[in-house]
Amino acid sequence: MLRNEGYLNAIEFKTIREELGLTQSELMRLMNIKNYRTIQRWEKGENVISKQACDTITNLLNEAAKHINKNLDAILERYKRFEFADFVLILYPNDVYQNAAVRKAYCRFIAEGKKAHLIRFNEEDYKSYLELQNLSDSEKNREEWALYTWRKQR
């Protein structure tokens, strides 16, 4: 294993990325990294993780924690009506902080035995759904799209 310039080792770095709910390619975009393999090499311990990369990912985690503390109760309250029915929480591609709160709520719902599911928002698919149903964008329609899409994928 290589000695790191930064203060995170490969396992710590990968764990933080996964805790944030980011794919390697999403993190690559957030960090403005050009080569997809860079993150793969960091997480395998093949390359040294720069101090800048360590700072960036720990800052993302700290900001996500603030967002979780601020928004978790609102998410839990919004979905508490689903006692026995399936419901789907939406993860948006570029909203790291909100996604962290959504994932935390999801874990809480699962622990409570609720039928919660996660889906990544796909704008193209969503727009097609709206056109097919002759609907306009709304929070309610996004929730219905998410459940429809989740059921279709099962």
C-alpha atoms as a PDB file:
ATOM      1  CA  MET A   1       0.000   0.000   0.000  1.00  0.00           C
ATOM      2  CA  LEU A   2       1.262   3.465  -0.859  1.00  0.00           C
ATOM      3  CA  ARG A   3       1.828   6.135   1.754  1.00  0.00           C
ATOM      4  CA  ASN A   4      -0.679   8.946   1.315  1.00  0.00           C
ATOM      5  CA  GLU A   5       0.189  12.606   0.958  1.00  0.00           C
ATOM      6  CA  GLY A   6      -3.225  13.368   2.382  1.00  0.00           C
ATOM      7  CA  TYR A   7      -4.671  12.069   5.604  1.00  0.00           C
ATOM      8  CA  LEU A   8      -7.103   9.471   4.252  1.00  0.00           C
ATOM      9  CA  ASN A   9      -6.203   5.979   3.198  1.00  0.00           C
ATOM     10  CA  ALA A  10      -7.930   4.125   0.353  1.00  0.00           C
ATOM     11  CA  ILE A  11     -10.544   2.484   2.585  1.00  0.00           C
ATOM     12  CA  GLU A  12     -11.405   5.735   4.366  1.00  0.00           C
ATOM     13  CA  PHE A  13     -11.724   7.609   1.086  1.00  0.00           C
ATOM     14  CA  LYS A  14     -14.011   4.961  -0.436  1.00  0.00           C
ATOM     15  CA  THR A  15     -16.092   4.739   2.742  1.00  0.00           C
ATOM     16  CA  ILE A  16     -16.719   8.494   2.718  1.00  0.00           C
ATOM     17  CA  ARG A  17     -17.685   8.409  -0.977  1.00  0.00           C
ATOM     18  CA  GLU A  18     -20.129   5.584  -0.309  1.00  0.00           C
ATOM     19  CA  GLU A  19     -21.498   7.331   2.804  1.00  0.00           C
ATOM     20  CA  LEU A  20     -22.215  10.347   0.606  1.00  0.00           C
ATOM     21  CA  GLY A  21     -24.010   8.022  -1.807  1.00  0.00           C
ATOM     22  CA  LEU A  22     -21.837   9.035  -4.727  1.00  0.00           C
ATOM     23  CA  THR A  23     -20.710   6.848  -7.571  1.00  0.00           C
ATOM     24  CA  GLN A  24     -17.095   7.138  -8.635  1.00  0.00           C
ATOM     25  CA  SER A  25     -18.131   9.047 -11.755  1.00  0.00           C
ATOM     26  CA  GLU A  26     -20.270  11.495  -9.724  1.00  0.00           C
ATOM     27  CA  LEU A  27     -17.346  12.178  -7.412  1.00  0.00           C
ATOM     28  CA  MET A  28     -15.086  12.575 -10.424  1.00  0.00           C
ATOM     29  CA  ARG A  29     -17.369  15.328 -11.773  1.00  0.00           C
ATOM     30  CA  LEU A  30     -17.633  17.054  -8.384  1.00  0.00           C
ATOM     31  CA  MET A  31     -13.856  17.096  -8.012  1.00  0.00           C
ATOM     32  CA  ASN A  32     -13.249  18.109 -11.655  1.00  0.00           C
ATOM     33  CA  ILE A  33     -11.093  15.055 -12.247  1.00  0.00           C
ATOM     34  CA  LYS A  34     -10.566  14.236 -15.899  1.00  0.00           C
ATOM     35  CA  ASN A  35      -9.644  10.550 -15.689  1.00  0.00           C
ATOM     36  CA  TYR A  36     -12.191   8.083 -14.281  1.00  0.00           C
ATOM     37  CA  ARG A  37      -9.399   5.681 -13.273  1.00  0.00           C
ATOM     38  CA  THR A  38      -7.932   8.227 -10.836  1.00  0.00           C
ATOM     39  CA  ILE A  39     -10.618   7.571  -8.238  1.00  0.00           C
ATOM     40  CA  GLN A  40     -10.475   3.834  -8.875  1.00  0.00           C
ATOM     41  CA  ARG A  41      -6.721   3.889  -8.238  1.00  0.00           C
ATOM     42  CA  TRP A  42      -7.151   5.944  -5.059  1.00  0.00           C
ATOM     43  CA  GLU A  43      -9.754   3.538  -3.711  1.00  0.00           C
ATOM     44  CA  LYS A  44      -7.608   0.494  -4.511  1.00  0.00           C
ATOM     45  CA  GLY A  45      -4.569   2.077  -2.858  1.00  0.00           C
ATOM     46  CA  GLU A  46      -2.679   2.086  -6.155  1.00  0.00           C
ATOM     47  CA  ASN A  47      -2.112   5.864  -6.212  1.00  0.00           C
ATOM     48  CA  VAL A  48      -1.443   8.461  -3.567  1.00  0.00           C
ATOM     49  CA  ILE A  49      -4.531  10.482  -2.613  1.00  0.00           C
ATOM     50  CA  SER A  50      -3.658  14.158  -2.706  1.00  0.00           C
ATOM     51  CA  LYS A  51      -4.273  16.380   0.298  1.00  0.00           C
ATOM     52  CA  GLN A  52      -6.586  18.465  -1.902  1.00  0.00           C
ATOM     53  CA  ALA A  53      -8.735  15.397  -2.703  1.00  0.00           C
ATOM     54  CA  CYS A  54      -8.838  14.448   0.990  1.00  0.00           C
ATOM     55  CA  ASP A  55      -9.859  18.006   1.907  1.00  0.00           C
ATOM     56  CA  THR A  56     -12.549  18.072  -0.774  1.00  0.00           C
ATOM     57  CA  ILE A  57     -14.206  14.816   0.196  1.00  0.00           C
ATOM     58  CA  THR A  58     -14.091  15.514   3.942  1.00  0.00           C
ATOM     59  CA  ASN A  59     -15.571  18.977   3.319  1.00  0.00           C
ATOM     60  CA  LEU A  60     -18.364  17.320   1.314  1.00  0.00           C
ATOM     61  CA  LEU A  61     -19.004  14.967   4.237  1.00  0.00           C
ATOM     62  CA  ASN A  62     -19.048  17.816   6.770  1.00  0.00           C
ATOM     63  CA  GLU A  63     -21.474  19.841   4.648  1.00  0.00           C
ATOM     64  CA  ALA A  64     -23.658  16.769   4.139  1.00  0.00           C
ATOM     65  CA  ALA A  65     -23.813  16.271   7.912  1.00  0.00           C
ATOM     66  CA  LYS A  66     -25.042  19.859   8.337  1.00  0.00           C
ATOM     67  CA  HIS A  67     -27.686  19.314   5.660  1.00  0.00           C
ATOM     68  CA  ILE A  68     -28.794  16.043   7.259  1.00  0.00           C
ATOM     69  CA  ASN A  69     -29.236  17.742  10.621  1.00  0.00           C
ATOM     70  CA  LYS A  70     -31.190  20.560   8.987  1.00  0.00           C
ATOM     71  CA  ASN A  71     -33.478  18.502   6.691  1.00  0.00           C
ATOM     72  CA  LEU A  72     -33.885  14.988   8.071  1.00  0.00           C
ATOM     73  CA  ASP A  73     -36.937  15.751  10.207  1.00  0.00           C
ATOM     74  CA  ALA A  74     -38.750  17.372   7.271  1.00  0.00           C
ATOM     75  CA  ILE A  75     -38.139  14.317   5.070  1.00  0.00           C
ATOM     76  CA  LEU A  76     -39.264  11.919   7.818  1.00  0.00           C
ATOM     77  CA  GLU A  77     -42.402  13.977   8.422  1.00  0.00           C
ATOM     78  CA  ARG A  78     -43.254  14.153   4.736  1.00  0.00           C
ATOM     79  CA  TYR A  79     -43.172  10.387   4.241  1.00  0.00           C
ATOM     80  CA  LYS A  80     -44.515   9.219   7.602  1.00  0.00           C
ATOM     81  CA  ARG A  81     -47.957   8.712   6.057  1.00  0.00           C
ATOM     82  CA  PHE A  82     -46.650   5.608   4.268  1.00  0.00           C
ATOM     83  CA  GLU A  83     -47.139   2.971   6.915  1.00  0.00           C
ATOM     84  CA  PHE A  84     -47.683  -0.106   4.738  1.00  0.00           C
ATOM     85  CA  ALA A  85     -47.487   1.048   1.107  1.00  0.00           C
ATOM     86  CA  ASP A  86     -44.367   1.134  -1.052  1.00  0.00           C
ATOM     87  CA  PHE A  87     -42.876   4.575  -1.549  1.00  0.00           C
ATOM     88  CA  VAL A  88     -39.773   5.807  -3.320  1.00  0.00           C
ATOM     89  CA  LEU A  89     -37.303   8.479  -2.304  1.00  0.00           C
ATOM     90  CA  ILE A  90     -35.579  10.288  -5.154  1.00  0.00           C
ATOM     91  CA  LEU A  91     -31.838  10.910  -5.379  1.00  0.00           C
ATOM     92  CA  TYR A  92     -30.927  13.814  -7.658  1.00  0.00           C
ATOM     93  CA  PRO A  93     -27.651  13.546  -9.629  1.00  0.00           C
ATOM     94  CA  ASN A  94     -25.982  16.760  -8.473  1.00  0.00           C
ATOM     95  CA  ASP A  95     -27.507  17.326  -5.045  1.00  0.00           C
ATOM     96  CA  VAL A  96     -24.976  15.658  -2.759  1.00  0.00           C
ATOM     97  CA  TYR A  97     -26.224  17.243   0.451  1.00  0.00           C
ATOM     98  CA  GLN A  98     -29.921  16.585  -0.078  1.00  0.00           C
ATOM     99  CA  ASN A  99     -29.100  13.037  -1.169  1.00  0.00           C
ATOM    100  CA  ALA A 100     -27.224  12.476   2.087  1.00  0.00           C
ATOM    101  CA  ALA A 101     -30.344  13.500   4.022  1.00  0.00           C
ATOM    102  CA  VAL A 102     -32.535  11.313   1.789  1.00  0.00           C
ATOM    103  CA  ARG A 103     -30.265   8.294   2.347  1.00  0.00           C
ATOM    104  CA  LYS A 104     -30.338   8.857   6.111  1.00  0.00           C
ATOM    105  CA  ALA A 105     -34.152   9.023   6.013  1.00  0.00           C
ATOM    106  CA  TYR A 106     -34.229   5.876   3.877  1.00  0.00           C
ATOM    107  CA  CYS A 107     -32.149   3.999   6.468  1.00  0.00           C
ATOM    108  CA  ARG A 108     -34.471   5.191   9.214  1.00  0.00           C
ATOM    109  CA  PHE A 109     -37.565   4.063   7.268  1.00  0.00           C
ATOM    110  CA  ILE A 110     -36.047   0.639   6.602  1.00  0.00           C
ATOM    111  CA  ALA A 111     -35.149   0.277  10.292  1.00  0.00           C
ATOM    112  CA  GLU A 112     -38.793   1.059  11.118  1.00  0.00           C
ATOM    113  CA  GLY A 113     -39.942  -1.671   8.723  1.00  0.00           C
ATOM    114  CA  LYS A 114     -41.426   0.685   6.133  1.00  0.00           C
ATOM    115  CA  LYS A 115     -41.408  -0.201   2.433  1.00  0.00           C
ATOM    116  CA  ALA A 116     -39.071   2.561   1.312  1.00  0.00           C
ATOM    117  CA  HIS A 117     -37.023   2.427  -1.877  1.00  0.00           C
ATOM    118  CA  LEU A 118     -34.449   4.655  -3.557  1.00  0.00           C
ATOM    119  CA  ILE A 119     -34.235   5.678  -7.197  1.00  0.00           C
ATOM    120  CA  ARG A 120     -31.930   8.030  -9.060  1.00  0.00           C
ATOM    121  CA  PHE A 121     -33.723  10.796 -10.910  1.00  0.00           C
ATOM    122  CA  ASN A 122     -33.489  10.533 -14.688  1.00  0.00           C
ATOM    123  CA  GLU A 123     -34.623  13.752 -16.313  1.00  0.00           C
ATOM    124  CA  GLU A 124     -35.204  12.248 -19.770  1.00  0.00           C
ATOM    125  CA  ASP A 125     -37.274   9.406 -18.393  1.00  0.00           C
ATOM    126  CA  TYR A 126     -39.227  11.799 -16.190  1.00  0.00           C
ATOM    127  CA  LYS A 127     -40.021  14.152 -19.097  1.00  0.00           C
ATOM    128  CA  SER A 128     -41.224  11.209 -21.192  1.00  0.00           C
ATOM    129  CA  TYR A 129     -43.442  10.105 -18.316  1.00  0.00           C
ATOM    130  CA  LEU A 130     -44.947  13.597 -18.024  1.00  0.00           C
ATOM    131  CA  GLU A 131     -45.619  13.782 -21.766  1.00  0.00           C
ATOM    132  CA  LEU A 132     -47.208  10.334 -21.830  1.00  0.00           C
ATOM    133  CA  GLN A 133     -49.475  11.212 -18.904  1.00  0.00           C
ATOM    134  CA  ASN A 134     -50.088  14.773 -20.121  1.00  0.00           C
ATOM    135  CA  LEU A 135     -48.831  16.178 -16.812  1.00  0.00           C
ATOM    136  CA  SER A 136     -46.642  19.067 -15.739  1.00  0.00           C
ATOM    137  CA  ASP A 137     -43.745  19.043 -13.305  1.00  0.00           C
ATOM    138  CA  SER A 138     -44.701  18.927  -9.630  1.00  0.00           C
ATOM    139  CA  GLU A 139     -43.492  17.272  -6.470  1.00  0.00           C
ATOM    140  CA  LYS A 140     -46.483  14.925  -6.510  1.00  0.00           C
ATOM    141  CA  ASN A 141     -45.813  13.916 -10.134  1.00  0.00           C
ATOM    142  CA  ARG A 142     -42.136  13.281  -9.334  1.00  0.00           C
ATOM    143  CA  GLU A 143     -43.193  10.966  -6.518  1.00  0.00           C
ATOM    144  CA  GLU A 144     -45.618   9.160  -8.826  1.00  0.00           C
ATOM    145  CA  TRP A 145     -42.932   8.878 -11.533  1.00  0.00           C
ATOM    146  CA  ALA A 146     -40.496   7.452  -8.987  1.00  0.00           C
ATOM    147  CA  LEU A 147     -42.932   4.765  -7.828  1.00  0.00           C
ATOM    148  CA  TYR A 148     -43.933   3.937 -11.417  1.00  0.00           C
ATOM    149  CA  THR A 149     -40.280   3.657 -12.484  1.00  0.00           C
ATOM    150  CA  TRP A 150     -39.309   1.603  -9.442  1.00  0.00           C
ATOM    151  CA  ARG A 151     -42.171  -0.852 -10.076  1.00  0.00           C
ATOM    152  CA  LYS A 152     -41.203  -1.102 -13.754  1.00  0.00           C
ATOM    153  CA  GLN A 153     -37.593  -1.954 -12.821  1.00  0.00           C
ATOM    154  CA  ARG A 154     -38.482  -4.721 -10.361  1.00  0.00           C
END
